[in-house]
Amino acid sequence: VVDIMRVNVDKVLERDQKLSELDDRADALQAGASQFESSAAKLKNKYWWKNVK
């Protein structure tokens, strides 16, 4: 029983580590998406003005 509990605790700790890594990756992806969105908007406006002229 004690061995099973130790294994379960180890699994919980590994899961916590994986979840924190996933959270970090999600934050990085969100930052990249925000940067892409602003760059795309600037590019869109640039070509819109170029087309107007």
PDB file of N, CA and C in Angstrom:
ATOM      1  N   VAL A   1       0.836  -1.195   0.000  1.00  0.00           N
ATOM      2  CA  VAL A   1       0.000   0.000   0.000  1.00  0.00           C
ATOM      3  C   VAL A   1       0.875   1.250   0.000  1.00  0.00           C
ATOM      4  N   VAL A   2       1.921   1.229   0.813  1.00  0.00           N
ATOM      5  CA  VAL A   2       2.805   2.393   0.886  1.00  0.00           C
ATOM      6  C   VAL A   2       3.498   2.627  -0.453  1.00  0.00           C
ATOM      7  N   ASP A   3       3.917   1.560  -1.101  1.00  0.00           N
ATOM      8  CA  ASP A   3       4.571   1.700  -2.409  1.00  0.00           C
ATOM      9  C   ASP A   3       3.620   2.295  -3.441  1.00  0.00           C
ATOM     10  N   ILE A   4       2.388   1.852  -3.415  1.00  0.00           N
ATOM     11  CA  ILE A   4       1.388   2.385  -4.354  1.00  0.00           C
ATOM     12  C   ILE A   4       1.159   3.867  -4.093  1.00  0.00           C
ATOM     13  N   MET A   5       1.105   4.254  -2.829  1.00  0.00           N
ATOM     14  CA  MET A   5       0.915   5.669  -2.498  1.00  0.00           C
ATOM     15  C   MET A   5       2.106   6.498  -2.963  1.00  0.00           C
ATOM     16  N   ARG A   6       3.310   5.961  -2.811  1.00  0.00           N
ATOM     17  CA  ARG A   6       4.502   6.683  -3.273  1.00  0.00           C
ATOM     18  C   ARG A   6       4.472   6.865  -4.784  1.00  0.00           C
ATOM     19  N   VAL A   7       4.099   5.826  -5.480  1.00  0.00           N
ATOM     20  CA  VAL A   7       4.004   5.913  -6.941  1.00  0.00           C
ATOM     21  C   VAL A   7       2.964   6.958  -7.333  1.00  0.00           C
ATOM     22  N   ASN A   8       1.841   6.966  -6.656  1.00  0.00           N
ATOM     23  CA  ASN A   8       0.790   7.935  -6.963  1.00  0.00           C
ATOM     24  C   ASN A   8       1.253   9.362  -6.689  1.00  0.00           C
ATOM     25  N   VAL A   9       1.968   9.567  -5.597  1.00  0.00           N
ATOM     26  CA  VAL A   9       2.486  10.905  -5.282  1.00  0.00           C
ATOM     27  C   VAL A   9       3.490  11.332  -6.346  1.00  0.00           C
ATOM     28  N   ASP A  10       4.351  10.415  -6.771  1.00  0.00           N
ATOM     29  CA  ASP A  10       5.306  10.735  -7.835  1.00  0.00           C
ATOM     30  C   ASP A  10       4.583  11.115  -9.124  1.00  0.00           C
ATOM     31  N   LYS A  11       3.528  10.389  -9.440  1.00  0.00           N
ATOM     32  CA  LYS A  11       2.756  10.697 -10.649  1.00  0.00           C
ATOM     33  C   LYS A  11       2.101  12.071 -10.545  1.00  0.00           C
ATOM     34  N   VAL A  12       1.602  12.411  -9.371  1.00  0.00           N
ATOM     35  CA  VAL A  12       0.976  13.725  -9.176  1.00  0.00           C
ATOM     36  C   VAL A  12       2.009  14.830  -9.351  1.00  0.00           C
ATOM     37  N   LEU A  13       3.203  14.633  -8.815  1.00  0.00           N
ATOM     38  CA  LEU A  13       4.258  15.635  -8.958  1.00  0.00           C
ATOM     39  C   LEU A  13       4.683  15.788 -10.415  1.00  0.00           C
ATOM     40  N   GLU A  14       4.791  14.682 -11.134  1.00  0.00           N
ATOM     41  CA  GLU A  14       5.129  14.754 -12.558  1.00  0.00           C
ATOM     42  C   GLU A  14       4.032  15.472 -13.334  1.00  0.00           C
ATOM     43  N   ARG A  15       2.804  15.186 -12.990  1.00  0.00           N
ATOM     44  CA  ARG A  15       1.676  15.830 -13.668  1.00  0.00           C
ATOM     45  C   ARG A  15       1.691  17.332 -13.417  1.00  0.00           C
ATOM     46  N   ASP A  16       1.994  17.719 -12.182  1.00  0.00           N
ATOM     47  CA  ASP A  16       2.060  19.141 -11.854  1.00  0.00           C
ATOM     48  C   ASP A  16       3.150  19.828 -12.670  1.00  0.00           C
ATOM     49  N   GLN A  17       4.289  19.166 -12.817  1.00  0.00           N
ATOM     50  CA  GLN A  17       5.385  19.729 -13.596  1.00  0.00           C
ATOM     51  C   GLN A  17       4.974  19.872 -15.063  1.00  0.00           C
ATOM     52  N   LYS A  18       4.326  18.851 -15.600  1.00  0.00           N
ATOM     53  CA  LYS A  18       3.897  18.908 -16.995  1.00  0.00           C
ATOM     54  C   LYS A  18       2.857  20.003 -17.205  1.00  0.00           C
ATOM     55  N   LEU A  19       1.963  20.174 -16.237  1.00  0.00           N
ATOM     56  CA  LEU A  19       0.952  21.223 -16.361  1.00  0.00           C
ATOM     57  C   LEU A  19       1.582  22.607 -16.315  1.00  0.00           C
ATOM     58  N   SER A  20       2.593  22.784 -15.475  1.00  0.00           N
ATOM     59  CA  SER A  20       3.252  24.088 -15.415  1.00  0.00           C
ATOM     60  C   SER A  20       4.011  24.364 -16.715  1.00  0.00           C
ATOM     61  N   GLU A  21       4.626  23.329 -17.299  1.00  0.00           N
ATOM     62  CA  GLU A  21       5.285  23.502 -18.594  1.00  0.00           C
ATOM     63  C   GLU A  21       4.271  23.857 -19.677  1.00  0.00           C
ATOM     64  N   LEU A  22       3.133  23.205 -19.642  1.00  0.00           N
ATOM     65  CA  LEU A  22       2.085  23.496 -20.618  1.00  0.00           C
ATOM     66  C   LEU A  22       1.568  24.921 -20.454  1.00  0.00           C
ATOM     67  N   ASP A  23       1.445  25.369 -19.222  1.00  0.00           N
ATOM     68  CA  ASP A  23       1.004  26.735 -18.956  1.00  0.00           C
ATOM     69  C   ASP A  23       2.016  27.739 -19.501  1.00  0.00           C
ATOM     70  N   ASP A  24       3.300  27.458 -19.321  1.00  0.00           N
ATOM     71  CA  ASP A  24       4.340  28.337 -19.860  1.00  0.00           C
ATOM     72  C   ASP A  24       4.277  28.387 -21.383  1.00  0.00           C
ATOM     73  N   ARG A  25       4.088  27.225 -21.993  1.00  0.00           N
ATOM     74  CA  ARG A  25       3.987  27.188 -23.455  1.00  0.00           C
ATOM     75  C   ARG A  25       2.755  27.949 -23.934  1.00  0.00           C
ATOM     76  N   ALA A  26       1.659  27.842 -23.203  1.00  0.00           N
ATOM     77  CA  ALA A  26       0.438  28.554 -23.583  1.00  0.00           C
ATOM     78  C   ALA A  26       0.637  30.062 -23.477  1.00  0.00           C
ATOM     79  N   ASP A  27       1.349  30.503 -22.438  1.00  0.00           N
ATOM     80  CA  ASP A  27       1.632  31.932 -22.295  1.00  0.00           C
ATOM     81  C   ASP A  27       2.495  32.436 -23.450  1.00  0.00           C
ATOM     82  N   ALA A  28       3.505  31.650 -23.816  1.00  0.00           N
ATOM     83  CA  ALA A  28       4.372  32.041 -24.928  1.00  0.00           C
ATOM     84  C   ALA A  28       3.587  32.089 -26.235  1.00  0.00           C
ATOM     85  N   LEU A  29       2.703  31.141 -26.426  1.00  0.00           N
ATOM     86  CA  LEU A  29       1.881  31.115 -27.632  1.00  0.00           C
ATOM     87  C   LEU A  29       0.941  32.315 -27.680  1.00  0.00           C
ATOM     88  N   GLN A  30       0.392  32.682 -26.539  1.00  0.00           N
ATOM     89  CA  GLN A  30      -0.494  33.844 -26.475  1.00  0.00           C
ATOM     90  C   GLN A  30       0.268  35.119 -26.822  1.00  0.00           C
ATOM     91  N   ALA A  31       1.485  35.241 -26.302  1.00  0.00           N
ATOM     92  CA  ALA A  31       2.303  36.416 -26.606  1.00  0.00           C
ATOM     93  C   ALA A  31       2.626  36.470 -28.098  1.00  0.00           C
ATOM     94  N   GLY A  32       2.967  35.339 -28.676  1.00  0.00           N
ATOM     95  CA  GLY A  32       3.250  35.293 -30.104  1.00  0.00           C
ATOM     96  C   GLY A  32       2.030  35.631 -30.943  1.00  0.00           C
ATOM     97  N   ALA A  33       0.879  35.178 -30.509  1.00  0.00           N
ATOM     98  CA  ALA A  33      -0.357  35.477 -31.237  1.00  0.00           C
ATOM     99  C   ALA A  33      -0.675  36.966 -31.186  1.00  0.00           C
ATOM    100  N   SER A  34      -0.447  37.583 -30.042  1.00  0.00           N
ATOM    101  CA  SER A  34      -0.688  39.023 -29.924  1.00  0.00           C
ATOM    102  C   SER A  34       0.246  39.803 -30.840  1.00  0.00           C
ATOM    103  N   GLN A  35       1.506  39.398 -30.868  1.00  0.00           N
ATOM    104  CA  GLN A  35       2.476  40.065 -31.734  1.00  0.00           C
ATOM    105  C   GLN A  35       2.095  39.875 -33.204  1.00  0.00           C
ATOM    106  N   PHE A  36       1.687  38.675 -33.573  1.00  0.00           N
ATOM    107  CA  PHE A  36       1.275  38.411 -34.950  1.00  0.00           C
ATOM    108  C   PHE A  36       0.062  39.258 -35.323  1.00  0.00           C
ATOM    109  N   GLU A  37      -0.883  39.361 -34.398  1.00  0.00           N
ATOM    110  CA  GLU A  37      -2.093  40.129 -34.677  1.00  0.00           C
ATOM    111  C   GLU A  37      -1.768  41.595 -34.945  1.00  0.00           C
ATOM    112  N   SER A  38      -0.892  42.186 -34.133  1.00  0.00           N
ATOM    113  CA  SER A  38      -0.545  43.593 -34.339  1.00  0.00           C
ATOM    114  C   SER A  38       0.257  43.772 -35.628  1.00  0.00           C
ATOM    115  N   SER A  39       1.164  42.848 -35.919  1.00  0.00           N
ATOM    116  CA  SER A  39       1.941  42.947 -37.156  1.00  0.00           C
ATOM    117  C   SER A  39       1.039  42.810 -38.381  1.00  0.00           C
ATOM    118  N   ALA A  40       0.094  41.906 -38.317  1.00  0.00           N
ATOM    119  CA  ALA A  40      -0.822  41.709 -39.441  1.00  0.00           C
ATOM    120  C   ALA A  40      -1.687  42.947 -39.661  1.00  0.00           C
ATOM    121  N   ALA A  41      -2.114  43.573 -38.586  1.00  0.00           N
ATOM    122  CA  ALA A  41      -2.936  44.781 -38.715  1.00  0.00           C
ATOM    123  C   ALA A  41      -2.125  45.911 -39.347  1.00  0.00           C
ATOM    124  N   LYS A  42      -0.875  46.062 -38.928  1.00  0.00           N
ATOM    125  CA  LYS A  42      -0.024  47.108 -39.511  1.00  0.00           C
ATOM    126  C   LYS A  42       0.198  46.860 -40.996  1.00  0.00           C
ATOM    127  N   LEU A  43       0.453  45.606 -41.345  1.00  0.00           N
ATOM    128  CA  LEU A  43       0.683  45.261 -42.744  1.00  0.00           C
ATOM    129  C   LEU A  43      -0.576  45.487 -43.578  1.00  0.00           C
ATOM    130  N   LYS A  44      -1.714  45.136 -43.016  1.00  0.00           N
ATOM    131  CA  LYS A  44      -2.990  45.341 -43.709  1.00  0.00           C
ATOM    132  C   LYS A  44      -3.210  46.823 -43.992  1.00  0.00           C
ATOM    133  N   ASN A  45      -2.979  47.655 -42.979  1.00  0.00           N
ATOM    134  CA  ASN A  45      -3.162  49.096 -43.170  1.00  0.00           C
ATOM    135  C   ASN A  45      -2.164  49.662 -44.169  1.00  0.00           C
ATOM    136  N   LYS A  46      -0.937  49.159 -44.120  1.00  0.00           N
ATOM    137  CA  LYS A  46       0.089  49.627 -45.055  1.00  0.00           C
ATOM    138  C   LYS A  46      -0.348  49.369 -46.487  1.00  0.00           C
ATOM    139  N   TYR A  47      -0.781  48.158 -46.780  1.00  0.00           N
ATOM    140  CA  TYR A  47      -1.183  47.834 -48.145  1.00  0.00           C
ATOM    141  C   TYR A  47      -2.513  48.477 -48.515  1.00  0.00           C
ATOM    142  N   TRP A  48      -3.364  48.736 -47.534  1.00  0.00           N
ATOM    143  CA  TRP A  48      -4.609  49.438 -47.830  1.00  0.00           C
ATOM    144  C   TRP A  48      -4.294  50.848 -48.305  1.00  0.00           C
ATOM    145  N   TRP A  49      -3.377  51.529 -47.574  1.00  0.00           N
ATOM    146  CA  TRP A  49      -3.001  52.880 -47.979  1.00  0.00           C
ATOM    147  C   TRP A  49      -2.274  52.866 -49.325  1.00  0.00           C
ATOM    148  N   LYS A  50      -1.457  51.850 -49.545  1.00  0.00           N
ATOM    149  CA  LYS A  50      -0.747  51.745 -50.816  1.00  0.00           C
ATOM    150  C   LYS A  50      -1.740  51.571 -51.959  1.00  0.00           C
ATOM    151  N   ASN A  51      -2.799  50.831 -51.724  1.00  0.00           N
ATOM    152  CA  ASN A  51      -3.818  50.610 -52.737  1.00  0.00           C
ATOM    153  C   ASN A  51      -4.637  51.875 -52.981  1.00  0.00           C
ATOM    154  N   VAL A  52      -4.825  52.684 -51.945  1.00  0.00           N
ATOM    155  CA  VAL A  52      -5.606  53.913 -52.082  1.00  0.00           C
ATOM    156  C   VAL A  52      -4.874  54.915 -52.968  1.00  0.00           C
ATOM    157  N   LYS A  53      -3.563  54.976 -52.812  1.00  0.00           N
ATOM    158  CA  LYS A  53      -2.768  55.972 -53.558  1.00  0.00           C
ATOM    159  C   LYS A  53      -2.627  55.674 -55.008  1.00  0.00           C
TER     160      LYS A  53
END
